[in-house]
Amino acid sequence: MPSDSSIDHGQIAAMFVVLCTAIGFWLFMQTDNVGMLTTWFWAGIGLAGIYLLTTIANTLDELDAGY
């Protein structure tokens, strides 16, 4: 059943990117390797994309079930 609460999925996806970029920045400061920063940035983009695709799939399943 669908919930009545409104979740801001864009904010959650942005937090994935920000958190992963922060981890990458911290590792960049520790290792002096820019590759760490870009790798973690793209990991955040990937996690945000997976989260949004999962949300879309769950919404389509709810619509198909007739909620």
Protein backbone atom coordinates (compact mmCIF):
# COMPACT_ATOMS: atom_id res chain seq x y z
CA MET A 1 0.00 0.00 0.00
CA PRO A 2 1.23 3.49 -0.72
CA SER A 3 2.16 5.65 2.20
CA ASP A 4 0.67 9.08 2.76
CA SER A 5 4.04 10.62 3.59
CA SER A 6 5.73 12.69 0.92
CA ILE A 7 9.39 11.76 0.48
CA ASP A 8 11.67 14.12 -1.40
CA HIS A 9 13.54 11.58 -3.52
CA GLY A 10 15.68 14.25 -5.17
CA GLN A 11 17.04 15.33 -1.81
CA ILE A 12 17.92 11.74 -0.88
CA ALA A 13 19.65 11.21 -4.24
CA ALA A 14 21.60 14.45 -3.80
CA MET A 15 22.71 13.30 -0.36
CA PHE A 16 24.16 10.12 -1.92
CA VAL A 17 26.26 12.27 -4.25
CA VAL A 18 27.30 14.73 -1.52
CA LEU A 19 28.22 11.99 0.95
CA CYS A 20 30.27 10.02 -1.57
CA THR A 21 31.99 13.20 -2.78
CA ALA A 22 32.85 14.09 0.83
CA ILE A 23 34.40 10.65 1.31
CA GLY A 24 36.33 11.13 -1.93
CA PHE A 25 37.52 14.57 -0.83
CA TRP A 26 38.70 13.18 2.50
CA LEU A 27 40.59 10.39 0.72
CA PHE A 28 42.03 12.94 -1.72
CA MET A 29 43.36 14.95 1.21
CA GLN A 30 44.89 11.82 2.74
CA THR A 31 46.49 10.41 -0.41
CA ASP A 32 46.95 13.51 -2.64
CA ASN A 33 45.37 11.54 -5.49
CA VAL A 34 42.60 13.27 -7.48
CA GLY A 35 41.46 9.89 -8.77
CA MET A 36 39.95 9.12 -5.37
CA LEU A 37 37.77 12.22 -5.57
CA THR A 38 36.47 11.49 -9.06
CA THR A 39 35.94 7.80 -8.31
CA TRP A 40 33.82 8.52 -5.25
CA PHE A 41 31.91 11.26 -7.09
CA TRP A 42 30.93 8.79 -9.80
CA ALA A 43 30.11 6.17 -7.16
CA GLY A 44 27.68 8.70 -5.66
CA ILE A 45 26.12 9.34 -9.06
CA GLY A 46 25.72 5.58 -9.54
CA LEU A 47 24.14 5.04 -6.12
CA ALA A 48 21.76 7.95 -6.68
CA GLY A 49 20.77 6.51 -10.07
CA ILE A 50 20.13 3.08 -8.61
CA TYR A 51 18.06 4.61 -5.81
CA LEU A 52 15.93 6.62 -8.25
CA LEU A 53 15.44 3.66 -10.62
CA THR A 54 14.36 1.48 -7.69
CA THR A 55 11.90 4.16 -6.59
CA ILE A 56 10.46 4.36 -10.10
CA ALA A 57 10.16 0.56 -10.31
CA ASN A 58 8.40 0.36 -6.95
CA THR A 59 5.99 3.13 -7.96
CA LEU A 60 5.17 1.35 -11.22
CA ASP A 61 4.53 -1.89 -9.30
CA GLU A 62 2.14 -0.04 -6.99
CA LEU A 63 0.32 1.49 -9.96
CA ASP A 64 0.08 -1.92 -11.63
CA ALA A 65 -1.35 -3.43 -8.45
CA GLY A 66 -4.08 -0.80 -8.46
CA TYR A 67 -3.18 1.32 -5.46
